[in-house]
Amino acid sequence: MSTERAASRLTHLDRHGRARMVDVGGKRETRREAVARGEVAMAPGTLRLITTRSARKGDVLGVAQVAGIAAAKRTWELIPLCHPIPLTGISVQLTLDSRTSRVRIEARVRTVGRTGAEMEALVAVAAAGLTVYDMLKAAERGIRIENIRLVRKSGGKTGVYVRREASPRRRPAAGRRR
């Protein structure tokens, strides 16, 4: 495929294949929301440091939540060609899953603007996960940040996108067999 043909389909490339920031000035403003998720996997003993609030660096979940919010606000400074957008709301939730020894992260970002907030939600999850790693790395270097993905977005010309995710398998109730 020629560079010119490929560039015509990629919005961040000009007709010569060079990077450019997309001009969104002609688009109308709409309410937009993006939701991203990810997980931080670790050993059960490391997860216990969070649940017992005994991590040497302090409140892991609280600091990671603030890091995610701060990162969403600065996405345009971190990701080349990303627009600075007026964020109207950011929430970052971190929940512990002791069964799988994971911290689950969900970021929800809202704006009223001409371009979406997908990158801000994804960056929020990544920064929160990196902060969990940083605060626990002295206890375990093998911590893994995994499965960062966009799960929902709404607004704009393309409307609503919802990622189909595998639902967790249901376990039969105690004493019952399938």
Protein backbone atom coordinates (compact mmCIF):
# COMPACT_ATOMS: atom_id res chain seq x y z
CA MET A 1 0.00 0.00 0.00
CA SER A 2 1.37 3.41 -0.90
CA THR A 3 2.23 5.89 1.83
CA GLU A 4 -0.25 8.36 0.36
CA ARG A 5 -3.12 5.81 0.45
CA ALA A 6 -2.28 4.75 4.01
CA ALA A 7 -1.99 8.37 5.11
CA SER A 8 -5.44 9.18 3.75
CA ARG A 9 -6.98 6.65 6.19
CA LEU A 10 -4.90 7.58 9.23
CA THR A 11 -6.09 10.87 10.66
CA HIS A 12 -2.80 11.74 12.37
CA LEU A 13 -0.83 11.62 9.12
CA ASP A 14 -0.88 14.17 6.32
CA ARG A 15 -1.04 13.10 2.68
CA HIS A 16 2.76 12.67 2.68
CA GLY A 17 2.74 10.35 5.69
CA ARG A 18 4.05 12.95 8.15
CA ALA A 19 2.61 13.31 11.64
CA ARG A 20 0.10 16.07 12.27
CA MET A 21 -2.41 17.02 14.92
CA VAL A 22 -5.96 16.53 13.65
CA ASP A 23 -7.94 19.75 13.23
CA VAL A 24 -11.15 19.26 15.22
CA GLY A 25 -12.27 22.89 14.85
CA GLY A 26 -15.08 21.99 12.46
CA LYS A 27 -16.56 19.28 14.69
CA ARG A 28 -19.49 20.08 16.94
CA GLU A 29 -19.20 19.84 20.70
CA THR A 30 -20.94 16.89 22.36
CA ARG A 31 -20.98 15.27 25.76
CA ARG A 32 -18.41 12.52 25.77
CA GLU A 33 -17.43 9.84 28.25
CA ALA A 34 -14.77 7.14 28.19
CA VAL A 35 -14.28 4.23 30.57
CA ALA A 36 -11.05 2.23 30.69
CA ARG A 37 -9.96 -0.68 32.87
CA GLY A 38 -6.82 -2.56 33.78
CA GLU A 39 -5.41 -4.84 36.46
CA VAL A 40 -2.28 -5.08 38.57
CA ALA A 41 -1.42 -8.71 39.37
CA MET A 42 0.74 -9.60 42.35
CA ALA A 43 1.48 -12.29 44.91
CA PRO A 44 -1.11 -12.73 47.69
CA GLY A 45 1.40 -11.54 50.29
CA THR A 46 1.93 -8.31 48.38
CA LEU A 47 -1.82 -7.74 48.12
CA ARG A 48 -1.99 -8.18 51.91
CA LEU A 49 0.31 -5.18 52.28
CA ILE A 50 -2.47 -3.11 50.73
CA THR A 51 -5.32 -4.65 52.73
CA THR A 52 -3.46 -4.30 56.04
CA ARG A 53 -2.20 -0.80 55.11
CA SER A 54 1.35 -1.87 55.86
CA ALA A 55 3.08 -0.91 52.59
CA ARG A 56 6.23 1.05 53.47
CA LYS A 57 5.36 3.91 51.10
CA GLY A 58 1.88 4.47 52.55
CA ASP A 59 -1.70 4.34 51.24
CA VAL A 60 -1.24 2.52 47.93
CA LEU A 61 -4.82 2.87 46.67
CA GLY A 62 -5.21 6.51 47.69
CA VAL A 63 -1.97 7.60 46.07
CA ALA A 64 -2.70 5.56 42.91
CA GLN A 65 -6.15 7.14 42.64
CA VAL A 66 -4.70 10.65 42.79
CA ALA A 67 -1.98 9.68 40.28
CA GLY A 68 -4.61 8.44 37.83
CA ILE A 69 -6.63 11.64 38.10
CA ALA A 70 -3.52 13.82 37.69
CA ALA A 71 -2.37 11.81 34.68
CA ALA A 72 -5.75 12.12 32.93
CA LYS A 73 -5.48 15.90 33.27
CA ARG A 74 -2.02 15.87 31.65
CA THR A 75 -2.60 13.33 28.87
CA TRP A 76 -2.08 15.92 26.15
CA GLU A 77 1.44 16.51 27.53
CA LEU A 78 2.30 12.80 27.53
CA ILE A 79 0.82 11.50 24.28
CA PRO A 80 2.04 13.15 21.07
CA LEU A 81 -0.69 14.68 18.89
CA CYS A 82 -3.30 14.37 21.65
CA HIS A 83 -5.52 17.44 22.09
CA PRO A 84 -5.77 19.25 25.41
CA ILE A 85 -9.45 18.90 26.26
CA PRO A 86 -11.61 20.47 28.97
CA LEU A 87 -12.32 17.62 31.36
CA THR A 88 -15.57 17.96 33.29
CA GLY A 89 -15.15 14.88 35.47
CA ILE A 90 -12.63 12.18 36.30
CA SER A 91 -13.07 9.22 38.61
CA VAL A 92 -10.55 6.47 39.25
CA GLN A 93 -11.67 3.45 41.26
CA LEU A 94 -9.28 0.81 42.57
CA THR A 95 -10.71 -2.39 44.02
CA LEU A 96 -8.98 -5.40 45.50
CA ASP A 97 -9.69 -8.89 44.22
CA SER A 98 -8.21 -11.28 46.77
CA ARG A 99 -9.39 -14.34 44.81
CA THR A 100 -7.09 -13.49 41.87
CA SER A 101 -4.61 -11.37 43.84
CA ARG A 102 -5.20 -8.27 41.72
CA VAL A 103 -5.96 -4.61 42.02
CA ARG A 104 -8.65 -3.78 39.47
CA ILE A 105 -8.62 -0.22 38.13
CA GLU A 106 -11.42 1.63 36.37
CA ALA A 107 -11.18 5.21 35.13
CA ARG A 108 -14.17 7.23 33.91
CA VAL A 109 -13.49 10.54 32.16
CA ARG A 110 -16.08 13.06 30.97
CA THR A 111 -15.86 16.12 28.75
CA VAL A 112 -17.95 18.37 26.55
CA GLY A 113 -15.87 18.92 23.49
CA ARG A 114 -14.94 18.18 19.91
CA THR A 115 -12.84 15.09 20.58
CA GLY A 116 -13.17 12.12 22.89
CA ALA A 117 -11.64 11.27 26.25
CA GLU A 118 -10.48 7.73 25.49
CA MET A 119 -6.80 8.53 25.82
CA GLU A 120 -7.36 10.33 29.13
CA ALA A 121 -9.15 7.29 30.58
CA LEU A 122 -6.45 4.90 29.34
CA VAL A 123 -3.64 7.10 30.67
CA ALA A 124 -5.40 7.34 34.04
CA VAL A 125 -5.50 3.53 34.32
CA ALA A 126 -1.87 3.20 33.25
CA ALA A 127 -0.66 5.82 35.72
CA ALA A 128 -2.66 4.33 38.58
CA GLY A 129 -1.22 0.88 37.77
CA LEU A 130 2.32 2.23 37.57
CA THR A 131 1.83 3.93 40.93
CA VAL A 132 0.67 0.67 42.53
CA TYR A 133 3.81 -0.96 41.11
CA ASP A 134 6.06 1.84 42.36
CA MET A 135 4.65 1.73 45.86
CA LEU A 136 5.02 -2.06 46.14
CA LYS A 137 8.14 -2.83 44.09
CA ALA A 138 10.30 -3.14 47.22
CA ALA A 139 8.11 -6.06 48.28
CA GLU A 140 7.78 -7.69 44.83
CA ARG A 141 9.51 -6.90 41.53
CA GLY A 142 7.34 -9.36 39.59
CA ILE A 143 4.15 -7.30 39.79
CA ARG A 144 2.42 -7.13 36.39
CA ILE A 145 0.27 -4.35 34.95
CA GLU A 146 -2.12 -6.08 32.57
CA ASN A 147 -5.04 -5.80 30.22
CA ILE A 148 -5.37 -2.01 29.94
CA ARG A 149 -8.27 -1.44 27.56
CA LEU A 150 -11.09 0.89 26.61
CA VAL A 151 -14.39 -0.69 27.70
CA ARG A 152 -16.87 2.04 26.78
CA LYS A 153 -17.04 5.39 25.06
CA SER A 154 -19.95 7.60 24.15
CA GLY A 155 -20.49 10.84 22.28
CA GLY A 156 -19.18 12.27 19.08
CA LYS A 157 -19.84 11.24 15.52
CA THR A 158 -19.22 7.53 16.14
CA GLY A 159 -21.65 7.32 19.06
CA VAL A 160 -21.41 4.54 21.61
CA TYR A 161 -18.77 1.82 21.70
CA VAL A 162 -18.96 -1.00 24.25
CA ARG A 163 -16.26 -3.66 24.42
CA ARG A 164 -17.56 -7.16 24.76
CA GLU A 165 -15.79 -8.71 27.70
CA ALA A 166 -15.96 -12.28 28.88
CA SER A 167 -18.09 -12.44 31.98
CA PRO A 168 -16.61 -14.25 34.97
CA ARG A 169 -17.72 -17.84 35.25
CA ARG A 170 -20.39 -18.38 37.84
CA ARG A 171 -19.59 -20.79 40.57
CA PRO A 172 -22.35 -23.10 41.72
CA ALA A 173 -23.70 -22.33 45.19
CA ALA A 174 -22.22 -24.42 48.00
CA GLY A 175 -23.81 -27.84 48.14
CA ARG A 176 -25.31 -27.56 44.64
CA ARG A 177 -23.97 -29.27 41.55
CA ARG A 178 -24.56 -28.44 37.96
